[in-house]
Protein backbone atom coordinates (compact mmCIF):
# COMPACT_ATOMS: atom_id res chain seq x y z
CA MET A 1 187.53 -113.55 74.79
CA LEU A 2 191.10 -114.84 75.02
CA VAL A 3 191.85 -112.86 78.07
CA ASN A 4 188.98 -114.48 79.82
CA ALA A 5 190.05 -117.95 78.75
CA ILE A 6 193.81 -117.36 80.06
CA GLY A 7 192.44 -115.95 83.26
CA LEU A 8 190.13 -118.97 83.71
CA LEU A 9 193.02 -121.31 83.09
CA ALA A 10 195.38 -119.29 85.44
CA GLN A 11 192.81 -119.72 88.20
CA ILE A 12 192.45 -123.46 87.64
CA MET A 13 196.17 -124.11 87.57
CA SER A 14 196.55 -121.95 90.77
CA ALA A 15 193.73 -123.83 92.55
CA ILE A 16 195.45 -126.98 91.79
CA LEU A 17 198.91 -125.88 92.95
CA LEU A 18 197.10 -124.46 96.21
CA ILE A 19 195.33 -127.72 96.98
CA THR A 20 198.38 -129.78 96.59
CA GLY A 21 200.46 -127.09 98.52
CA LEU A 22 203.04 -126.65 95.85
CA TRP A 23 204.65 -123.11 95.61
CA THR A 24 202.10 -121.82 97.97
CA PRO A 25 203.43 -118.18 98.55
CA VAL A 26 204.30 -117.59 94.92
CA VAL A 27 200.88 -119.04 93.56
CA ALA A 28 199.08 -116.95 96.31
CA MET A 29 200.65 -113.65 95.26
CA LEU A 30 199.73 -114.51 91.57
CA LEU A 31 196.15 -114.89 92.66
CA VAL A 32 196.35 -111.54 94.36
CA ALA A 33 197.68 -109.91 91.18
CA ALA A 34 194.92 -111.56 89.11
CA GLU A 35 192.22 -110.26 91.48
CA VAL A 36 193.84 -106.65 91.48
CA TYR A 37 193.90 -106.82 87.75
CA ARG A 38 190.40 -108.03 87.48
CA ALA A 39 189.23 -105.19 89.95
CA GLY A 40 191.20 -102.43 88.25
CA VAL A 41 191.66 -102.98 84.67
CA ALA A 42 188.51 -105.07 83.91
CA ALA A 43 186.34 -102.76 86.05
CA ARG A 44 184.83 -105.90 87.70
CA PHE A 45 185.09 -104.77 91.35
CA ASP A 46 182.89 -107.04 93.58
CA ASP A 47 183.00 -108.40 97.18
CA LEU A 48 183.99 -111.91 95.94
CA GLY A 49 187.06 -110.56 94.45
CA VAL A 50 188.09 -108.75 97.54
CA LEU A 51 187.65 -111.83 99.52
CA ARG A 52 189.50 -114.06 97.22
CA ALA A 53 192.33 -111.52 97.32
CA THR A 54 192.32 -111.17 101.23
CA ILE A 55 192.40 -114.95 101.50
CA ALA A 56 195.31 -115.34 98.94
CA VAL A 57 197.28 -112.60 100.95
CA SER A 58 196.80 -114.39 104.30
CA LEU A 59 197.59 -117.82 102.91
CA ALA A 60 200.76 -116.26 101.31
CA MET A 61 201.80 -114.92 104.74
CA THR A 62 201.00 -118.06 106.61
CA GLY A 63 202.50 -120.60 104.07
CA PRO A 64 201.57 -124.25 103.33
CA GLY A 65 200.25 -126.66 105.71
CA ALA A 66 202.04 -129.82 107.37
CA TRP A 67 200.80 -132.10 104.57
CA SER A 68 201.65 -130.13 101.69
CA VAL A 69 204.14 -130.71 99.00
CA ASP A 70 206.35 -127.83 99.95
CA ALA A 71 206.61 -129.10 103.58
CA ARG A 72 207.68 -132.48 102.41
CA ALA A 73 210.36 -130.95 99.79
CA PHE A 74 211.70 -128.11 101.87
CA GLY A 75 210.80 -128.83 105.47
CA ARG A 76 208.19 -127.45 107.79
CA ARG A 77 209.11 -124.11 109.44
CA ARG A 78 207.63 -123.29 112.93
CA ILE A 79 207.91 -120.21 115.00
CA ASN A 80 208.48 -120.97 118.69
CA VAL A 81 207.73 -118.25 121.14
CA ASP A 82 209.31 -118.55 124.59
CA GLY A 83 206.73 -119.02 127.32
CA LEU A 84 203.96 -119.83 124.93
CA GLY A 85 202.61 -123.26 124.18
CA ASP A 86 204.79 -126.21 124.65
């Protein structure tokens, strides 16, 4: 029971941090770890957990958006490729 409550609290706090865009890569990787734990140790393998882990990995790789707290605090990083776009 206590493990479920801690997991729920971790998911709620992670969701709040992701919505505000604070520590996006770190929080996303923690969500991936939580989903892997849930699928492996807790034996609750389902499609929704795989989807959440996949979204969290992609979010960790792409980083926060332009209006996030991370972008305001640390600056927005862009990758410019010569010959593409502007």
